[in-house]
Amino acid sequence: MSDHPNVRTVNRMTQAIVDQDKDTLAEGFTDDFVFHLRGPYDRAGDHQGASGLIEVIGSLFEVTHGDVQLEQRFCVGLENWATEWEHAALGRNGKTLESDNAFVYRFEDGRIAEMWMFLGADPQRAADFFD
């Protein structure tokens, strides 16, 4: 979407999360990184460090057995910030949950210090999907 360095970092970190590449994650996140997840998922809340992020996102991959389709709609960066919008489709036990997710990233010295994610799925559909 954009050639801004923050966008490149976001894209590299997204791939590292999917690949569970802890070395790349350690490079891209500050030591005191915080992941803030909001939306209809029982793991919503604030999570410390890259390990907290991997734990939460890993639980999504676990419950779906890896049936996760992500499509980045846009990602833009400016100064110490980036924002992203993606469409996700999760599959589980013959059910599909579609979600339009919003992200905001705060950077320090070229690394992600905070990440806010809003899981934009319909709450009732999410409850049915995760049950």
C-alpha atoms as a PDB file:
ATOM      1  CA  MET A   1       0.000   0.000   0.000  1.00  0.00           C
ATOM      2  CA  SER A   2       2.642   2.476   1.102  1.00  0.00           C
ATOM      3  CA  ASP A   3       6.407   2.448   1.002  1.00  0.00           C
ATOM      4  CA  HIS A   4       6.648   4.149   4.396  1.00  0.00           C
ATOM      5  CA  PRO A   5       9.130   2.336   6.699  1.00  0.00           C
ATOM      6  CA  ASN A   6       6.400   1.802   9.310  1.00  0.00           C
ATOM      7  CA  VAL A   7       4.247   0.018   6.719  1.00  0.00           C
ATOM      8  CA  ARG A   8       7.160  -2.232   5.803  1.00  0.00           C
ATOM      9  CA  THR A   9       7.610  -3.037   9.492  1.00  0.00           C
ATOM     10  CA  VAL A  10       3.886  -3.798   9.926  1.00  0.00           C
ATOM     11  CA  ASN A  11       3.935  -6.128   6.927  1.00  0.00           C
ATOM     12  CA  ARG A  12       7.106  -7.862   8.128  1.00  0.00           C
ATOM     13  CA  MET A  13       5.625  -8.294  11.618  1.00  0.00           C
ATOM     14  CA  THR A  14       2.338  -9.657  10.251  1.00  0.00           C
ATOM     15  CA  GLN A  15       4.237 -12.324   8.323  1.00  0.00           C
ATOM     16  CA  ALA A  16       6.374 -13.095  11.384  1.00  0.00           C
ATOM     17  CA  ILE A  17       3.236 -13.548  13.501  1.00  0.00           C
ATOM     18  CA  VAL A  18       1.735 -15.962  10.962  1.00  0.00           C
ATOM     19  CA  ASP A  19       5.057 -17.823  10.778  1.00  0.00           C
ATOM     20  CA  GLN A  20       5.570 -17.566  14.573  1.00  0.00           C
ATOM     21  CA  ASP A  21       9.049 -16.244  13.785  1.00  0.00           C
ATOM     22  CA  LYS A  22      10.172 -15.091  17.229  1.00  0.00           C
ATOM     23  CA  ASP A  23      13.515 -13.734  15.999  1.00  0.00           C
ATOM     24  CA  THR A  24      11.868 -11.329  13.544  1.00  0.00           C
ATOM     25  CA  LEU A  25       9.304 -10.357  16.174  1.00  0.00           C
ATOM     26  CA  ALA A  26      12.071  -9.549  18.654  1.00  0.00           C
ATOM     27  CA  GLU A  27      13.574  -7.183  16.088  1.00  0.00           C
ATOM     28  CA  GLY A  28      10.300  -5.427  15.265  1.00  0.00           C
ATOM     29  CA  PHE A  29       8.815  -4.872  18.711  1.00  0.00           C
ATOM     30  CA  THR A  30      10.200  -2.853  21.609  1.00  0.00           C
ATOM     31  CA  ASP A  31      11.088  -4.735  24.788  1.00  0.00           C
ATOM     32  CA  ASP A  32       8.072  -3.230  26.561  1.00  0.00           C
ATOM     33  CA  PHE A  33       5.642  -3.793  23.651  1.00  0.00           C
ATOM     34  CA  VAL A  34       1.927  -3.962  24.577  1.00  0.00           C
ATOM     35  CA  PHE A  35      -0.844  -5.529  22.461  1.00  0.00           C
ATOM     36  CA  HIS A  36      -4.361  -4.168  23.086  1.00  0.00           C
ATOM     37  CA  LEU A  37      -7.105  -6.414  21.647  1.00  0.00           C
ATOM     38  CA  ARG A  38     -10.716  -5.279  21.643  1.00  0.00           C
ATOM     39  CA  GLY A  39     -13.777  -6.951  20.189  1.00  0.00           C
ATOM     40  CA  PRO A  40     -15.792 -10.140  20.563  1.00  0.00           C
ATOM     41  CA  TYR A  41     -13.096 -12.664  21.529  1.00  0.00           C
ATOM     42  CA  ASP A  42     -12.572 -14.142  24.993  1.00  0.00           C
ATOM     43  CA  ARG A  43      -8.860 -13.242  24.879  1.00  0.00           C
ATOM     44  CA  ALA A  44      -9.607  -9.522  24.445  1.00  0.00           C
ATOM     45  CA  GLY A  45      -7.586  -7.321  26.758  1.00  0.00           C
ATOM     46  CA  ASP A  46      -4.041  -6.040  27.142  1.00  0.00           C
ATOM     47  CA  HIS A  47      -1.120  -8.403  26.598  1.00  0.00           C
ATOM     48  CA  GLN A  48       2.542  -7.776  27.364  1.00  0.00           C
ATOM     49  CA  GLY A  49       5.358  -8.453  24.931  1.00  0.00           C
ATOM     50  CA  ALA A  50       5.642 -10.278  21.635  1.00  0.00           C
ATOM     51  CA  SER A  51       4.962 -13.512  23.540  1.00  0.00           C
ATOM     52  CA  GLY A  52       1.573 -12.152  24.674  1.00  0.00           C
ATOM     53  CA  LEU A  53       0.696 -11.242  21.101  1.00  0.00           C
ATOM     54  CA  ILE A  54       1.780 -14.659  19.803  1.00  0.00           C
ATOM     55  CA  GLU A  55      -0.215 -16.390  22.527  1.00  0.00           C
ATOM     56  CA  VAL A  56      -3.452 -14.590  21.614  1.00  0.00           C
ATOM     57  CA  ILE A  57      -3.060 -14.754  17.836  1.00  0.00           C
ATOM     58  CA  GLY A  58      -1.808 -18.323  18.150  1.00  0.00           C
ATOM     59  CA  SER A  59      -5.037 -19.229  19.944  1.00  0.00           C
ATOM     60  CA  LEU A  60      -6.979 -18.003  16.884  1.00  0.00           C
ATOM     61  CA  PHE A  61      -4.862 -20.182  14.605  1.00  0.00           C
ATOM     62  CA  GLU A  62      -5.308 -23.102  17.000  1.00  0.00           C
ATOM     63  CA  VAL A  63      -9.104 -22.867  17.235  1.00  0.00           C
ATOM     64  CA  THR A  64      -9.368 -22.559  13.430  1.00  0.00           C
ATOM     65  CA  HIS A  65      -6.723 -25.210  12.713  1.00  0.00           C
ATOM     66  CA  GLY A  66      -4.971 -22.566  10.620  1.00  0.00           C
ATOM     67  CA  ASP A  67      -8.014 -21.762   8.479  1.00  0.00           C
ATOM     68  CA  VAL A  68      -7.295 -18.021   8.502  1.00  0.00           C
ATOM     69  CA  GLN A  69      -7.503 -15.870   5.373  1.00  0.00           C
ATOM     70  CA  LEU A  70      -6.194 -12.299   5.662  1.00  0.00           C
ATOM     71  CA  GLU A  71      -6.509  -9.528   3.110  1.00  0.00           C
ATOM     72  CA  GLN A  72      -4.894  -6.195   3.881  1.00  0.00           C
ATOM     73  CA  ARG A  73      -7.178  -3.447   2.562  1.00  0.00           C
ATOM     74  CA  PHE A  74      -4.780  -0.617   3.331  1.00  0.00           C
ATOM     75  CA  CYS A  75      -1.871   0.312   5.547  1.00  0.00           C
ATOM     76  CA  VAL A  76      -0.413   3.796   5.888  1.00  0.00           C
ATOM     77  CA  GLY A  77       2.379   5.213   7.991  1.00  0.00           C
ATOM     78  CA  LEU A  78       3.232   8.695   9.221  1.00  0.00           C
ATOM     79  CA  GLU A  79       5.983   9.719  11.639  1.00  0.00           C
ATOM     80  CA  ASN A  80       5.674   7.354  14.642  1.00  0.00           C
ATOM     81  CA  TRP A  81       2.347   5.818  13.637  1.00  0.00           C
ATOM     82  CA  ALA A  82       0.777   3.360  11.238  1.00  0.00           C
ATOM     83  CA  THR A  83      -2.799   2.264  10.724  1.00  0.00           C
ATOM     84  CA  GLU A  84      -4.137  -0.757   8.906  1.00  0.00           C
ATOM     85  CA  TRP A  85      -7.453  -2.229   7.884  1.00  0.00           C
ATOM     86  CA  GLU A  86      -7.828  -5.878   6.956  1.00  0.00           C
ATOM     87  CA  HIS A  87     -10.558  -8.296   6.051  1.00  0.00           C
ATOM     88  CA  ALA A  88     -10.290 -11.685   7.728  1.00  0.00           C
ATOM     89  CA  ALA A  89     -12.192 -14.911   7.164  1.00  0.00           C
ATOM     90  CA  LEU A  90     -11.829 -17.605   9.810  1.00  0.00           C
ATOM     91  CA  GLY A  91     -13.019 -21.171   9.332  1.00  0.00           C
ATOM     92  CA  ARG A  92     -13.970 -23.613  12.060  1.00  0.00           C
ATOM     93  CA  ASN A  93     -16.081 -26.786  12.076  1.00  0.00           C
ATOM     94  CA  GLY A  94     -17.779 -25.868   8.798  1.00  0.00           C
ATOM     95  CA  LYS A  95     -18.539 -22.322   9.982  1.00  0.00           C
ATOM     96  CA  THR A  96     -17.025 -19.084   8.702  1.00  0.00           C
ATOM     97  CA  LEU A  97     -16.557 -15.844  10.597  1.00  0.00           C
ATOM     98  CA  GLU A  98     -15.806 -12.748   8.542  1.00  0.00           C
ATOM     99  CA  SER A  99     -14.377  -9.689  10.190  1.00  0.00           C
ATOM    100  CA  ASP A 100     -13.131  -6.251   9.187  1.00  0.00           C
ATOM    101  CA  ASN A 101     -10.316  -5.497  11.616  1.00  0.00           C
ATOM    102  CA  ALA A 102      -8.721  -2.153  12.400  1.00  0.00           C
ATOM    103  CA  PHE A 103      -5.200  -1.677  13.746  1.00  0.00           C
ATOM    104  CA  VAL A 104      -3.244   1.277  15.091  1.00  0.00           C
ATOM    105  CA  TYR A 105       0.496   0.997  15.733  1.00  0.00           C
ATOM    106  CA  ARG A 106       2.688   3.348  17.752  1.00  0.00           C
ATOM    107  CA  PHE A 107       6.399   3.274  16.958  1.00  0.00           C
ATOM    108  CA  GLU A 108       9.503   4.130  18.950  1.00  0.00           C
ATOM    109  CA  ASP A 109      12.839   4.279  17.120  1.00  0.00           C
ATOM    110  CA  GLY A 110      11.438   2.306  14.169  1.00  0.00           C
ATOM    111  CA  ARG A 111      10.012  -0.511  16.313  1.00  0.00           C
ATOM    112  CA  ILE A 112       6.393  -1.176  17.294  1.00  0.00           C
ATOM    113  CA  ALA A 113       5.818  -0.141  20.929  1.00  0.00           C
ATOM    114  CA  GLU A 114       2.032  -0.549  21.042  1.00  0.00           C
ATOM    115  CA  MET A 115      -0.527  -2.228  18.823  1.00  0.00           C
ATOM    116  CA  TRP A 116      -4.281  -1.762  19.107  1.00  0.00           C
ATOM    117  CA  MET A 117      -6.479  -4.285  17.287  1.00  0.00           C
ATOM    118  CA  PHE A 118     -10.246  -4.068  17.017  1.00  0.00           C
ATOM    119  CA  LEU A 119     -11.806  -7.356  15.916  1.00  0.00           C
ATOM    120  CA  GLY A 120     -14.695  -6.073  13.809  1.00  0.00           C
ATOM    121  CA  ALA A 121     -16.846  -9.212  13.780  1.00  0.00           C
ATOM    122  CA  ASP A 122     -20.528  -9.193  14.643  1.00  0.00           C
ATOM    123  CA  PRO A 123     -20.653 -10.159  18.354  1.00  0.00           C
ATOM    124  CA  GLN A 124     -23.423 -12.765  17.997  1.00  0.00           C
ATOM    125  CA  ARG A 125     -21.764 -14.408  14.989  1.00  0.00           C
ATOM    126  CA  ALA A 126     -18.446 -14.415  16.851  1.00  0.00           C
ATOM    127  CA  ALA A 127     -20.097 -16.066  19.888  1.00  0.00           C
ATOM    128  CA  ASP A 128     -21.645 -18.747  17.665  1.00  0.00           C
ATOM    129  CA  PHE A 129     -18.357 -19.280  15.857  1.00  0.00           C
ATOM    130  CA  PHE A 130     -16.197 -19.634  18.972  1.00  0.00           C
ATOM    131  CA  ASP A 131     -18.687 -21.854  20.888  1.00  0.00           C
END
